């Protein structure tokens, strides 16, 4: 597992003001599987609501992905996520769909450490 905290900047803070959940600048590996794309990418920022994923895969808005984010010690967050915006060749922003209470608790605990 790769887990790196990154300092916040003004642009990130302005983006965060428009979000339902505060995002953390946390870089983690994320495994994704969708209709047209499968792979491992890294998060740029993450919250209980969703995350931005750096990937060169071209994944269109509206695509549904199965995602797995390993936090170590068997603490994986597994969920479906819908692509809410796409930067082709650079990454996608996704929103979790129907997070289980266990997955939400793991995210809240892990994200409270930054």
N, C-alpha and C. Protein backbone atom coordinates (compact mmCIF):
# COMPACT_ATOMS: atom_id res chain seq x y z
N UNK A 1 0.84 -1.17 0.00
CA UNK A 1 0.00 0.00 0.00
C UNK A 1 0.88 1.23 0.00
N UNK A 2 0.52 2.20 -0.82
CA UNK A 2 1.23 3.46 -0.89
C UNK A 2 0.29 4.51 -0.33
N UNK A 3 0.74 5.26 0.65
CA UNK A 3 -0.09 6.27 1.30
C UNK A 3 0.79 7.48 1.57
N UNK A 4 0.52 8.60 0.89
CA UNK A 4 1.33 9.79 1.02
C UNK A 4 0.41 10.97 1.26
N UNK A 5 0.71 11.77 2.27
CA UNK A 5 -0.05 12.99 2.49
C UNK A 5 0.60 14.11 1.70
N UNK A 6 -0.21 14.95 1.08
CA UNK A 6 0.28 16.05 0.26
C UNK A 6 -0.28 17.33 0.84
N UNK A 7 0.52 18.38 0.85
CA UNK A 7 0.07 19.67 1.40
C UNK A 7 -1.08 20.24 0.59
N UNK A 8 -1.97 20.97 1.28
CA UNK A 8 -3.10 21.60 0.62
C UNK A 8 -2.64 22.91 -0.01
N UNK A 9 -3.33 23.32 -1.10
CA UNK A 9 -3.05 24.61 -1.71
C UNK A 9 -4.35 25.39 -1.87
N UNK A 10 -4.24 26.67 -2.26
CA UNK A 10 -5.42 27.53 -2.35
C UNK A 10 -6.44 27.02 -3.35
N UNK A 11 -5.99 26.50 -4.49
CA UNK A 11 -6.92 25.99 -5.49
C UNK A 11 -7.72 24.83 -4.93
N UNK A 12 -7.05 23.94 -4.22
CA UNK A 12 -7.75 22.80 -3.61
C UNK A 12 -8.79 23.30 -2.62
N UNK A 13 -8.46 24.29 -1.83
CA UNK A 13 -9.40 24.80 -0.84
C UNK A 13 -10.63 25.41 -1.52
N UNK A 14 -10.42 26.14 -2.61
CA UNK A 14 -11.57 26.71 -3.33
C UNK A 14 -12.46 25.61 -3.89
N UNK A 15 -11.88 24.53 -4.42
CA UNK A 15 -12.66 23.42 -4.93
C UNK A 15 -13.43 22.76 -3.80
N UNK A 16 -12.81 22.62 -2.65
CA UNK A 16 -13.42 21.98 -1.50
C UNK A 16 -14.66 22.71 -1.02
N UNK A 17 -14.72 24.02 -1.24
CA UNK A 17 -15.87 24.80 -0.80
C UNK A 17 -17.13 24.40 -1.55
N UNK A 18 -17.00 23.81 -2.73
CA UNK A 18 -18.16 23.42 -3.55
C UNK A 18 -18.58 21.98 -3.28
N UNK A 19 -17.91 21.27 -2.44
CA UNK A 19 -18.16 19.85 -2.24
C UNK A 19 -19.00 19.60 -0.99
N UNK A 20 -19.73 18.50 -1.02
CA UNK A 20 -20.54 18.11 0.14
C UNK A 20 -19.65 17.60 1.27
N UNK A 21 -18.49 17.02 0.94
CA UNK A 21 -17.57 16.48 1.93
C UNK A 21 -16.20 17.11 1.74
N UNK A 22 -15.49 17.34 2.83
CA UNK A 22 -14.12 17.82 2.75
C UNK A 22 -13.25 16.72 2.16
N UNK A 23 -12.38 17.12 1.24
CA UNK A 23 -11.47 16.14 0.64
C UNK A 23 -10.09 16.28 1.25
N UNK A 24 -9.41 15.17 1.34
CA UNK A 24 -8.04 15.13 1.84
C UNK A 24 -7.10 14.88 0.67
N UNK A 25 -5.98 15.57 0.68
CA UNK A 25 -4.96 15.36 -0.35
C UNK A 25 -4.17 14.12 0.03
N UNK A 26 -4.74 12.98 -0.24
CA UNK A 26 -4.16 11.71 0.14
C UNK A 26 -3.94 10.88 -1.11
N UNK A 27 -2.72 10.41 -1.30
CA UNK A 27 -2.39 9.61 -2.48
C UNK A 27 -2.39 8.15 -2.08
N UNK A 28 -3.30 7.40 -2.70
CA UNK A 28 -3.46 5.97 -2.44
C UNK A 28 -3.59 5.24 -3.76
N UNK A 29 -3.20 3.98 -3.79
CA UNK A 29 -3.48 3.15 -4.95
C UNK A 29 -4.97 2.83 -4.96
N UNK A 30 -5.56 2.80 -6.13
CA UNK A 30 -6.96 2.40 -6.27
C UNK A 30 -7.05 1.44 -7.45
N UNK A 31 -7.74 0.33 -7.23
CA UNK A 31 -7.95 -0.67 -8.28
C UNK A 31 -9.35 -0.42 -8.84
N UNK A 32 -9.46 -0.32 -10.16
CA UNK A 32 -10.76 -0.05 -10.76
C UNK A 32 -11.06 -1.01 -11.89
N UNK A 33 -12.34 -1.27 -12.07
CA UNK A 33 -12.80 -2.17 -13.11
C UNK A 33 -14.10 -1.62 -13.66
N UNK A 34 -14.12 -1.37 -14.95
CA UNK A 34 -15.31 -0.85 -15.61
C UNK A 34 -15.53 -1.57 -16.92
N UNK A 35 -16.55 -1.17 -17.60
CA UNK A 35 -16.91 -1.81 -18.87
C UNK A 35 -15.76 -1.74 -19.88
N UNK A 36 -15.14 -0.55 -19.99
CA UNK A 36 -14.10 -0.36 -21.00
C UNK A 36 -12.70 -0.14 -20.44
N UNK A 37 -12.55 -0.13 -19.12
CA UNK A 37 -11.24 0.16 -18.55
C UNK A 37 -11.06 -0.58 -17.23
N UNK A 38 -9.88 -1.15 -17.06
CA UNK A 38 -9.51 -1.84 -15.84
C UNK A 38 -8.06 -1.49 -15.54
N UNK A 39 -7.74 -1.29 -14.27
CA UNK A 39 -6.36 -1.01 -13.94
C UNK A 39 -6.15 -0.58 -12.51
N UNK A 40 -4.95 -0.07 -12.26
CA UNK A 40 -4.58 0.49 -10.97
C UNK A 40 -4.17 1.93 -11.23
N UNK A 41 -4.70 2.82 -10.41
CA UNK A 41 -4.38 4.24 -10.55
C UNK A 41 -4.06 4.77 -9.16
N UNK A 42 -3.92 6.07 -9.04
CA UNK A 42 -3.69 6.67 -7.73
C UNK A 42 -4.68 7.80 -7.51
N UNK A 43 -5.06 7.97 -6.26
CA UNK A 43 -5.95 9.08 -5.93
C UNK A 43 -5.13 10.36 -5.88
N UNK A 44 -5.79 11.45 -6.14
CA UNK A 44 -5.18 12.77 -5.98
C UNK A 44 -5.74 13.40 -4.72
N UNK A 45 -7.03 13.24 -4.53
CA UNK A 45 -7.70 13.65 -3.30
C UNK A 45 -8.89 12.73 -3.10
N UNK A 46 -9.36 12.64 -1.86
CA UNK A 46 -10.39 11.67 -1.54
C UNK A 46 -11.24 12.17 -0.38
N UNK A 47 -12.51 11.79 -0.39
CA UNK A 47 -13.42 12.09 0.71
C UNK A 47 -14.39 10.93 0.86
N UNK A 48 -15.29 11.04 1.80
CA UNK A 48 -16.32 10.03 1.99
C UNK A 48 -17.28 10.03 0.79
N UNK A 49 -17.32 11.13 0.05
CA UNK A 49 -18.21 11.23 -1.10
C UNK A 49 -17.63 10.69 -2.40
N UNK A 50 -16.31 10.75 -2.54
CA UNK A 50 -15.68 10.31 -3.78
C UNK A 50 -14.22 10.69 -3.83
N UNK A 51 -13.63 10.65 -5.02
CA UNK A 51 -12.22 10.96 -5.15
C UNK A 51 -11.87 11.30 -6.59
N UNK A 52 -10.70 11.90 -6.78
CA UNK A 52 -10.14 12.12 -8.10
C UNK A 52 -9.07 11.07 -8.29
N UNK A 53 -9.08 10.43 -9.44
CA UNK A 53 -8.16 9.34 -9.73
C UNK A 53 -7.30 9.71 -10.94
N UNK A 54 -5.97 9.72 -10.76
CA UNK A 54 -5.04 9.95 -11.87
C UNK A 54 -4.94 8.67 -12.69
N UNK A 55 -5.31 8.76 -13.96
CA UNK A 55 -5.19 7.61 -14.86
C UNK A 55 -5.15 8.10 -16.30
N UNK A 56 -4.39 7.39 -17.12
CA UNK A 56 -4.36 7.71 -18.54
C UNK A 56 -5.50 7.02 -19.29
N UNK A 57 -6.19 6.11 -18.60
CA UNK A 57 -7.34 5.44 -19.23
C UNK A 57 -8.40 6.48 -19.57
N UNK A 58 -9.02 6.33 -20.70
CA UNK A 58 -10.08 7.25 -21.12
C UNK A 58 -11.41 6.67 -20.66
N UNK A 59 -11.95 7.25 -19.60
CA UNK A 59 -13.19 6.76 -19.00
C UNK A 59 -14.22 7.88 -19.10
N UNK A 60 -15.33 7.65 -19.78
CA UNK A 60 -16.30 8.72 -20.01
C UNK A 60 -17.14 9.05 -18.77
N UNK A 61 -17.66 10.26 -18.73
CA UNK A 61 -18.60 10.65 -17.68
C UNK A 61 -19.80 9.71 -17.72
N UNK A 62 -20.29 9.34 -16.55
CA UNK A 62 -21.43 8.44 -16.45
C UNK A 62 -21.05 6.98 -16.33
N UNK A 63 -19.79 6.65 -16.63
CA UNK A 63 -19.34 5.26 -16.51
C UNK A 63 -19.38 4.83 -15.04
N UNK A 64 -19.75 3.59 -14.81
CA UNK A 64 -19.77 3.04 -13.46
C UNK A 64 -18.57 2.11 -13.31
N UNK A 65 -17.79 2.33 -12.26
CA UNK A 65 -16.61 1.53 -11.99
C UNK A 65 -16.79 0.79 -10.68
N UNK A 66 -16.23 -0.38 -10.60
CA UNK A 66 -16.07 -1.06 -9.32
C UNK A 66 -14.68 -0.65 -8.84
N UNK A 67 -14.59 -0.11 -7.62
CA UNK A 67 -13.31 0.36 -7.12
C UNK A 67 -12.97 -0.34 -5.80
N UNK A 68 -11.66 -0.52 -5.61
CA UNK A 68 -11.16 -1.08 -4.36
C UNK A 68 -9.97 -0.25 -3.93
N UNK A 69 -10.05 0.27 -2.71
CA UNK A 69 -8.97 1.09 -2.17
C UNK A 69 -8.42 0.37 -0.94
N UNK A 70 -7.22 -0.20 -1.04
CA UNK A 70 -6.65 -0.92 0.11
C UNK A 70 -5.96 0.05 1.08
N UNK A 71 -6.37 -0.02 2.35
CA UNK A 71 -5.74 0.78 3.40
C UNK A 71 -4.80 -0.07 4.24
N UNK A 72 -4.64 -1.34 3.91
CA UNK A 72 -3.75 -2.22 4.64
C UNK A 72 -4.48 -2.98 5.73
N UNK A 73 -3.85 -4.05 6.20
CA UNK A 73 -4.40 -4.89 7.28
C UNK A 73 -5.82 -5.35 6.98
N UNK A 74 -6.10 -5.66 5.72
CA UNK A 74 -7.43 -6.15 5.34
C UNK A 74 -8.51 -5.10 5.37
N UNK A 75 -8.12 -3.85 5.44
CA UNK A 75 -9.09 -2.75 5.50
C UNK A 75 -9.24 -2.13 4.11
N UNK A 76 -10.01 -2.79 3.27
CA UNK A 76 -10.25 -2.30 1.91
C UNK A 76 -11.61 -1.63 1.85
N UNK A 77 -11.68 -0.54 1.12
CA UNK A 77 -12.96 0.07 0.79
C UNK A 77 -13.31 -0.42 -0.61
N UNK A 78 -14.45 -1.10 -0.73
CA UNK A 78 -14.91 -1.63 -2.02
C UNK A 78 -16.29 -1.05 -2.28
N UNK A 79 -16.45 -0.47 -3.47
CA UNK A 79 -17.73 0.18 -3.79
C UNK A 79 -17.83 0.37 -5.30
N UNK A 80 -19.04 0.63 -5.75
CA UNK A 80 -19.22 1.14 -7.09
C UNK A 80 -19.07 2.65 -7.02
N UNK A 81 -18.62 3.23 -8.12
CA UNK A 81 -18.45 4.68 -8.20
C UNK A 81 -18.80 5.11 -9.61
N UNK A 82 -19.46 6.25 -9.73
CA UNK A 82 -19.82 6.78 -11.03
C UNK A 82 -18.89 7.94 -11.38
N UNK A 83 -18.45 7.99 -12.63
CA UNK A 83 -17.57 9.06 -13.10
C UNK A 83 -18.42 10.31 -13.30
N UNK A 84 -18.10 11.37 -12.54
CA UNK A 84 -18.87 12.61 -12.64
C UNK A 84 -18.19 13.63 -13.54
N UNK A 85 -16.88 13.52 -13.73
CA UNK A 85 -16.20 14.31 -14.75
C UNK A 85 -14.94 13.59 -15.20
N UNK A 86 -14.56 13.89 -16.41
CA UNK A 86 -13.43 13.19 -17.01
C UNK A 86 -12.47 14.18 -17.66
N UNK A 87 -11.19 14.00 -17.39
CA UNK A 87 -10.12 14.73 -18.06
C UNK A 87 -9.38 13.68 -18.89
N UNK A 88 -9.81 13.43 -20.13
CA UNK A 88 -9.26 12.33 -20.93
C UNK A 88 -7.74 12.30 -20.94
N UNK A 89 -7.21 11.13 -20.59
CA UNK A 89 -5.77 10.92 -20.56
C UNK A 89 -5.09 11.40 -19.29
N UNK A 90 -5.84 12.08 -18.40
CA UNK A 90 -5.26 12.60 -17.16
C UNK A 90 -5.90 12.00 -15.90
N UNK A 91 -7.22 11.88 -15.91
CA UNK A 91 -7.89 11.34 -14.74
C UNK A 91 -9.38 11.56 -14.76
N UNK A 92 -10.03 11.08 -13.70
CA UNK A 92 -11.49 11.21 -13.57
C UNK A 92 -11.86 11.51 -12.13
N UNK A 93 -12.96 12.21 -11.97
CA UNK A 93 -13.55 12.43 -10.65
C UNK A 93 -14.71 11.47 -10.50
N UNK A 94 -14.76 10.75 -9.39
CA UNK A 94 -15.82 9.77 -9.19
C UNK A 94 -16.55 10.02 -7.88
N UNK A 95 -17.81 9.62 -7.85
CA UNK A 95 -18.64 9.71 -6.65
C UNK A 95 -19.01 8.29 -6.25
N UNK A 96 -18.79 7.97 -4.97
CA UNK A 96 -19.17 6.65 -4.48
C UNK A 96 -20.67 6.46 -4.61
N UNK A 97 -21.08 5.23 -4.89
CA UNK A 97 -22.50 4.86 -4.93
C UNK A 97 -22.75 3.85 -3.82
N UNK A 98 -23.69 4.15 -2.95
CA UNK A 98 -24.13 3.22 -1.92
C UNK A 98 -22.98 2.64 -1.10
N UNK A 99 -22.19 3.53 -0.49
CA UNK A 99 -21.12 3.07 0.40
C UNK A 99 -21.72 2.35 1.59
N UNK A 100 -21.15 1.21 1.94
CA UNK A 100 -21.62 0.51 3.14
C UNK A 100 -21.20 1.31 4.37
N UNK A 101 -21.85 1.06 5.49
CA UNK A 101 -21.49 1.76 6.72
C UNK A 101 -20.07 1.40 7.14
N UNK A 102 -19.65 0.16 6.88
CA UNK A 102 -18.28 -0.25 7.21
C UNK A 102 -17.27 0.51 6.36
N UNK A 103 -17.52 0.62 5.05
CA UNK A 103 -16.61 1.34 4.16
C UNK A 103 -16.54 2.82 4.54
N UNK A 104 -17.69 3.39 4.87
CA UNK A 104 -17.73 4.80 5.27
C UNK A 104 -16.92 5.00 6.55
N UNK A 105 -17.04 4.08 7.50
CA UNK A 105 -16.30 4.18 8.76
C UNK A 105 -14.79 4.09 8.51
N UNK A 106 -14.38 3.19 7.62
CA UNK A 106 -12.94 3.07 7.30
C UNK A 106 -12.44 4.38 6.70
N UNK A 107 -13.18 4.93 5.75
CA UNK A 107 -12.78 6.19 5.13
C UNK A 107 -12.67 7.30 6.16
N UNK A 108 -13.68 7.43 7.00
CA UNK A 108 -13.68 8.49 8.01
C UNK A 108 -12.47 8.35 8.94
N UNK A 109 -12.18 7.13 9.35
CA UNK A 109 -11.05 6.91 10.24
C UNK A 109 -9.72 7.23 9.55
N UNK A 110 -9.55 6.73 8.35
CA UNK A 110 -8.28 6.95 7.62
C UNK A 110 -8.08 8.42 7.25
N UNK A 111 -9.16 9.10 6.89
CA UNK A 111 -9.05 10.49 6.46
C UNK A 111 -8.90 11.46 7.63
N UNK A 112 -9.22 11.01 8.83
CA UNK A 112 -9.09 11.88 10.00
C UNK A 112 -7.64 12.00 10.45
N UNK A 113 -6.72 11.22 9.87
CA UNK A 113 -5.32 11.23 10.27
C UNK A 113 -4.53 12.34 9.61
N UNK A 114 -5.11 13.02 8.64
CA UNK A 114 -4.32 14.07 7.98
C UNK A 114 -4.60 15.37 8.64
